[in-house]
Amino acid sequence: MSKILYQSAVAFAACFFFSITFNTPKRELVFCGFTGALGWFIYCIVVHGFNGDPVTGSFFGALALTASCRFLSHIRQAPSTIYLIPGILPLVPGSQIYNTMYGILDGDMVYSYTQGVLTAKLAGVIALGVMIILSLPYACFNFIRKN
């Protein structure tokens, strides 16, 4: 569990500093880091805690991440993309993309094919998770009334 918390803290830092790069308002930086840490935490819980595969973990991580972005969007009166774009960063399948290209350049087509399919699956479930939550009506996320 301490490994998962450590990785979530690193995901928080990565999303926090990534947000600075994209000139996010300073009052929103902590929340951007929180969304990334939450998505990665859910991913790790599914993959390591429930012995799931990375595709399932990415799906549930994207669901939790996007739901928190929509909720923060309502509470903080800011666009949800401010939180979503940096928050999705830890879930992006960068190493699989790298491995796909490495297999192609090395001439190992079986390896590059398996990595390419895994990359497509991961990217697809992340997009599906984001799309499911963003298609919900905004009223689902305003259960805390603002004065």
C-alpha atoms as a PDB file:
ATOM      1  CA  MET A   1       0.000   0.000   0.000  1.00  0.00           C
ATOM      2  CA  SER A   2       2.870   2.374   0.702  1.00  0.00           C
ATOM      3  CA  LYS A   3       4.137   1.802  -2.842  1.00  0.00           C
ATOM      4  CA  ILE A   4       0.753   2.820  -4.243  1.00  0.00           C
ATOM      5  CA  LEU A   5       0.664   5.951  -2.081  1.00  0.00           C
ATOM      6  CA  TYR A   6       4.199   6.849  -3.147  1.00  0.00           C
ATOM      7  CA  GLN A   7       3.320   6.415  -6.817  1.00  0.00           C
ATOM      8  CA  SER A   8       0.190   8.527  -6.330  1.00  0.00           C
ATOM      9  CA  ALA A   9       2.288  11.276  -4.734  1.00  0.00           C
ATOM     10  CA  VAL A  10       4.639  11.209  -7.710  1.00  0.00           C
ATOM     11  CA  ALA A  11       1.628  11.350 -10.062  1.00  0.00           C
ATOM     12  CA  PHE A  12       0.393  14.379  -8.089  1.00  0.00           C
ATOM     13  CA  ALA A  13       3.743  16.118  -8.561  1.00  0.00           C
ATOM     14  CA  ALA A  14       3.874  15.255 -12.263  1.00  0.00           C
ATOM     15  CA  CYS A  15       0.393  16.642 -12.916  1.00  0.00           C
ATOM     16  CA  PHE A  16       1.045  19.690 -10.741  1.00  0.00           C
ATOM     17  CA  PHE A  17       4.185  20.663 -12.658  1.00  0.00           C
ATOM     18  CA  PHE A  18       2.648  19.719 -16.013  1.00  0.00           C
ATOM     19  CA  SER A  19      -0.130  22.193 -15.193  1.00  0.00           C
ATOM     20  CA  ILE A  20       2.425  24.948 -14.632  1.00  0.00           C
ATOM     21  CA  THR A  21       3.795  24.283 -18.106  1.00  0.00           C
ATOM     22  CA  PHE A  22       0.354  24.903 -19.595  1.00  0.00           C
ATOM     23  CA  ASN A  23      -0.147  28.128 -17.653  1.00  0.00           C
ATOM     24  CA  THR A  24      -2.994  26.872 -15.483  1.00  0.00           C
ATOM     25  CA  PRO A  25      -4.218  29.453 -12.955  1.00  0.00           C
ATOM     26  CA  LYS A  26      -2.256  29.135  -9.715  1.00  0.00           C
ATOM     27  CA  ARG A  27      -5.333  28.555  -7.591  1.00  0.00           C
ATOM     28  CA  GLU A  28      -6.142  25.422  -9.619  1.00  0.00           C
ATOM     29  CA  LEU A  29      -2.707  23.737  -9.574  1.00  0.00           C
ATOM     30  CA  VAL A  30      -3.319  21.632  -6.470  1.00  0.00           C
ATOM     31  CA  PHE A  31      -6.607  20.369  -7.876  1.00  0.00           C
ATOM     32  CA  CYS A  32      -4.922  19.429 -11.155  1.00  0.00           C
ATOM     33  CA  GLY A  33      -2.393  17.404  -9.192  1.00  0.00           C
ATOM     34  CA  PHE A  34      -5.172  15.822  -7.153  1.00  0.00           C
ATOM     35  CA  THR A  35      -7.024  14.578 -10.235  1.00  0.00           C
ATOM     36  CA  GLY A  36      -3.897  12.915 -11.597  1.00  0.00           C
ATOM     37  CA  ALA A  37      -3.112  11.322  -8.235  1.00  0.00           C
ATOM     38  CA  LEU A  38      -6.676  10.034  -7.931  1.00  0.00           C
ATOM     39  CA  GLY A  39      -6.653   8.498 -11.405  1.00  0.00           C
ATOM     40  CA  TRP A  40      -3.330   6.788 -10.769  1.00  0.00           C
ATOM     41  CA  PHE A  41      -4.420   5.624  -7.301  1.00  0.00           C
ATOM     42  CA  ILE A  42      -7.539   3.953  -8.732  1.00  0.00           C
ATOM     43  CA  TYR A  43      -5.443   2.419 -11.524  1.00  0.00           C
ATOM     44  CA  CYS A  44      -2.990   0.936  -8.994  1.00  0.00           C
ATOM     45  CA  ILE A  45      -5.766  -0.340  -6.719  1.00  0.00           C
ATOM     46  CA  VAL A  46      -7.435  -2.161  -9.614  1.00  0.00           C
ATOM     47  CA  VAL A  47      -4.216  -3.551 -11.092  1.00  0.00           C
ATOM     48  CA  HIS A  48      -2.367  -4.478  -7.895  1.00  0.00           C
ATOM     49  CA  GLY A  49      -5.135  -4.758  -5.306  1.00  0.00           C
ATOM     50  CA  PHE A  50      -7.657  -6.719  -7.351  1.00  0.00           C
ATOM     51  CA  ASN A  51      -5.149  -8.398  -9.703  1.00  0.00           C
ATOM     52  CA  GLY A  52      -6.750  -6.749 -12.707  1.00  0.00           C
ATOM     53  CA  ASP A  53      -5.107  -6.043 -16.010  1.00  0.00           C
ATOM     54  CA  PRO A  54      -3.835  -2.597 -17.066  1.00  0.00           C
ATOM     55  CA  VAL A  55      -6.736  -2.125 -19.466  1.00  0.00           C
ATOM     56  CA  THR A  56      -9.326  -2.482 -16.698  1.00  0.00           C
ATOM     57  CA  GLY A  57      -7.259  -0.301 -14.384  1.00  0.00           C
ATOM     58  CA  SER A  58      -6.992   2.416 -17.014  1.00  0.00           C
ATOM     59  CA  PHE A  59     -10.742   2.327 -17.583  1.00  0.00           C
ATOM     60  CA  PHE A  60     -11.629   2.743 -13.918  1.00  0.00           C
ATOM     61  CA  GLY A  61      -8.860   5.299 -13.429  1.00  0.00           C
ATOM     62  CA  ALA A  62     -10.222   7.357 -16.316  1.00  0.00           C
ATOM     63  CA  LEU A  63     -13.755   7.107 -14.907  1.00  0.00           C
ATOM     64  CA  ALA A  64     -12.672   8.319 -11.455  1.00  0.00           C
ATOM     65  CA  LEU A  65     -10.433  11.005 -12.903  1.00  0.00           C
ATOM     66  CA  THR A  66     -13.101  12.423 -15.187  1.00  0.00           C
ATOM     67  CA  ALA A  67     -15.782  12.300 -12.489  1.00  0.00           C
ATOM     68  CA  SER A  68     -13.525  14.269 -10.153  1.00  0.00           C
ATOM     69  CA  CYS A  69     -12.834  16.763 -12.951  1.00  0.00           C
ATOM     70  CA  ARG A  70     -16.540  17.315 -13.517  1.00  0.00           C
ATOM     71  CA  PHE A  71     -17.151  17.679  -9.783  1.00  0.00           C
ATOM     72  CA  LEU A  72     -14.268  20.138  -9.388  1.00  0.00           C
ATOM     73  CA  SER A  73     -15.508  22.018 -12.421  1.00  0.00           C
ATOM     74  CA  HIS A  74     -18.815  22.612 -10.675  1.00  0.00           C
ATOM     75  CA  ILE A  75     -17.313  23.470  -7.285  1.00  0.00           C
ATOM     76  CA  ARG A  76     -14.474  25.681  -8.556  1.00  0.00           C
ATOM     77  CA  GLN A  77     -16.451  27.291 -11.431  1.00  0.00           C
ATOM     78  CA  ALA A  78     -13.760  26.434 -13.984  1.00  0.00           C
ATOM     79  CA  PRO A  79     -13.751  24.377 -17.195  1.00  0.00           C
ATOM     80  CA  SER A  80     -13.298  20.659 -16.569  1.00  0.00           C
ATOM     81  CA  THR A  81     -10.524  20.498 -19.176  1.00  0.00           C
ATOM     82  CA  ILE A  82      -8.270  22.470 -16.820  1.00  0.00           C
ATOM     83  CA  TYR A  83      -8.263  19.403 -14.571  1.00  0.00           C
ATOM     84  CA  LEU A  84      -8.715  16.691 -17.186  1.00  0.00           C
ATOM     85  CA  ILE A  85      -5.775  17.385 -19.483  1.00  0.00           C
ATOM     86  CA  PRO A  86      -3.036  17.314 -16.827  1.00  0.00           C
ATOM     87  CA  GLY A  87      -4.854  14.659 -14.804  1.00  0.00           C
ATOM     88  CA  ILE A  88      -4.910  12.137 -17.628  1.00  0.00           C
ATOM     89  CA  LEU A  89      -1.117  12.330 -17.972  1.00  0.00           C
ATOM     90  CA  PRO A  90      -0.237   9.370 -15.673  1.00  0.00           C
ATOM     91  CA  LEU A  91      -2.630   7.071 -17.532  1.00  0.00           C
ATOM     92  CA  VAL A  92      -1.277   7.782 -21.023  1.00  0.00           C
ATOM     93  CA  PRO A  93       0.350   4.596 -22.409  1.00  0.00           C
ATOM     94  CA  GLY A  94       3.686   6.185 -23.291  1.00  0.00           C
ATOM     95  CA  SER A  95       5.859   3.170 -22.544  1.00  0.00           C
ATOM     96  CA  GLN A  96       3.709   0.951 -24.761  1.00  0.00           C
ATOM     97  CA  ILE A  97       4.016   3.438 -27.618  1.00  0.00           C
ATOM     98  CA  TYR A  98       7.774   3.450 -27.116  1.00  0.00           C
ATOM     99  CA  ASN A  99       7.889  -0.356 -27.041  1.00  0.00           C
ATOM    100  CA  THR A 100       5.821  -0.518 -30.233  1.00  0.00           C
ATOM    101  CA  MET A 101       8.275   1.716 -32.064  1.00  0.00           C
ATOM    102  CA  TYR A 102      11.246  -0.117 -30.582  1.00  0.00           C
ATOM    103  CA  GLY A 103       9.858  -3.431 -31.854  1.00  0.00           C
ATOM    104  CA  ILE A 104       9.327  -1.963 -35.333  1.00  0.00           C
ATOM    105  CA  LEU A 105      12.851  -0.543 -35.488  1.00  0.00           C
ATOM    106  CA  ASP A 106      14.313  -3.773 -34.100  1.00  0.00           C
ATOM    107  CA  GLY A 107      12.441  -5.826 -36.703  1.00  0.00           C
ATOM    108  CA  ASP A 108      10.446  -7.830 -34.118  1.00  0.00           C
ATOM    109  CA  MET A 109       7.003  -7.585 -35.664  1.00  0.00           C
ATOM    110  CA  VAL A 110       5.295  -9.926 -33.185  1.00  0.00           C
ATOM    111  CA  TYR A 111       6.479  -7.823 -30.239  1.00  0.00           C
ATOM    112  CA  SER A 112       5.573  -4.561 -31.956  1.00  0.00           C
ATOM    113  CA  TYR A 113       2.135  -5.940 -32.854  1.00  0.00           C
ATOM    114  CA  THR A 114       1.355  -7.033 -29.284  1.00  0.00           C
ATOM    115  CA  GLN A 115       2.545  -3.706 -27.882  1.00  0.00           C
ATOM    116  CA  GLY A 116       0.598  -1.804 -30.538  1.00  0.00           C
ATOM    117  CA  VAL A 117      -2.604  -3.677 -29.726  1.00  0.00           C
ATOM    118  CA  LEU A 118      -2.081  -3.027 -26.009  1.00  0.00           C
ATOM    119  CA  THR A 119      -1.506   0.664 -26.760  1.00  0.00           C
ATOM    120  CA  ALA A 120      -4.721   0.832 -28.774  1.00  0.00           C
ATOM    121  CA  LYS A 121      -6.660  -0.921 -26.006  1.00  0.00           C
ATOM    122  CA  LEU A 122      -5.331   1.431 -23.326  1.00  0.00           C
ATOM    123  CA  ALA A 123      -5.995   4.546 -25.380  1.00  0.00           C
ATOM    124  CA  GLY A 124      -9.463   3.260 -26.264  1.00  0.00           C
ATOM    125  CA  VAL A 125     -10.561   2.545 -22.703  1.00  0.00           C
ATOM    126  CA  ILE A 126      -9.214   5.899 -21.495  1.00  0.00           C
ATOM    127  CA  ALA A 127     -11.229   7.648 -24.205  1.00  0.00           C
ATOM    128  CA  LEU A 128     -14.280   5.514 -23.385  1.00  0.00           C
ATOM    129  CA  GLY A 129     -14.054   6.299 -19.672  1.00  0.00           C
ATOM    130  CA  VAL A 130     -13.747  10.028 -20.350  1.00  0.00           C
ATOM    131  CA  MET A 131     -16.592   9.920 -22.856  1.00  0.00           C
ATOM    132  CA  ILE A 132     -18.952   8.077 -20.484  1.00  0.00           C
ATOM    133  CA  ILE A 133     -18.523  10.619 -17.689  1.00  0.00           C
ATOM    134  CA  LEU A 134     -18.576  13.661 -19.978  1.00  0.00           C
ATOM    135  CA  SER A 135     -21.817  12.448 -21.563  1.00  0.00           C
ATOM    136  CA  LEU A 136     -23.608  12.496 -18.202  1.00  0.00           C
ATOM    137  CA  PRO A 137     -25.747  15.570 -17.574  1.00  0.00           C
ATOM    138  CA  TYR A 138     -24.146  18.348 -15.575  1.00  0.00           C
ATOM    139  CA  ALA A 139     -26.857  17.977 -12.924  1.00  0.00           C
ATOM    140  CA  CYS A 140     -25.255  14.695 -11.806  1.00  0.00           C
ATOM    141  CA  PHE A 141     -22.276  16.622 -10.445  1.00  0.00           C
ATOM    142  CA  ASN A 142     -23.981  19.499  -8.652  1.00  0.00           C
ATOM    143  CA  PHE A 143     -25.174  17.620  -5.579  1.00  0.00           C
ATOM    144  CA  ILE A 144     -23.379  20.220  -3.429  1.00  0.00           C
ATOM    145  CA  ARG A 145     -25.405  23.380  -3.627  1.00  0.00           C
ATOM    146  CA  LYS A 146     -23.546  26.685  -3.875  1.00  0.00           C
ATOM    147  CA  ASN A 147     -25.006  29.732  -2.142  1.00  0.00           C
END
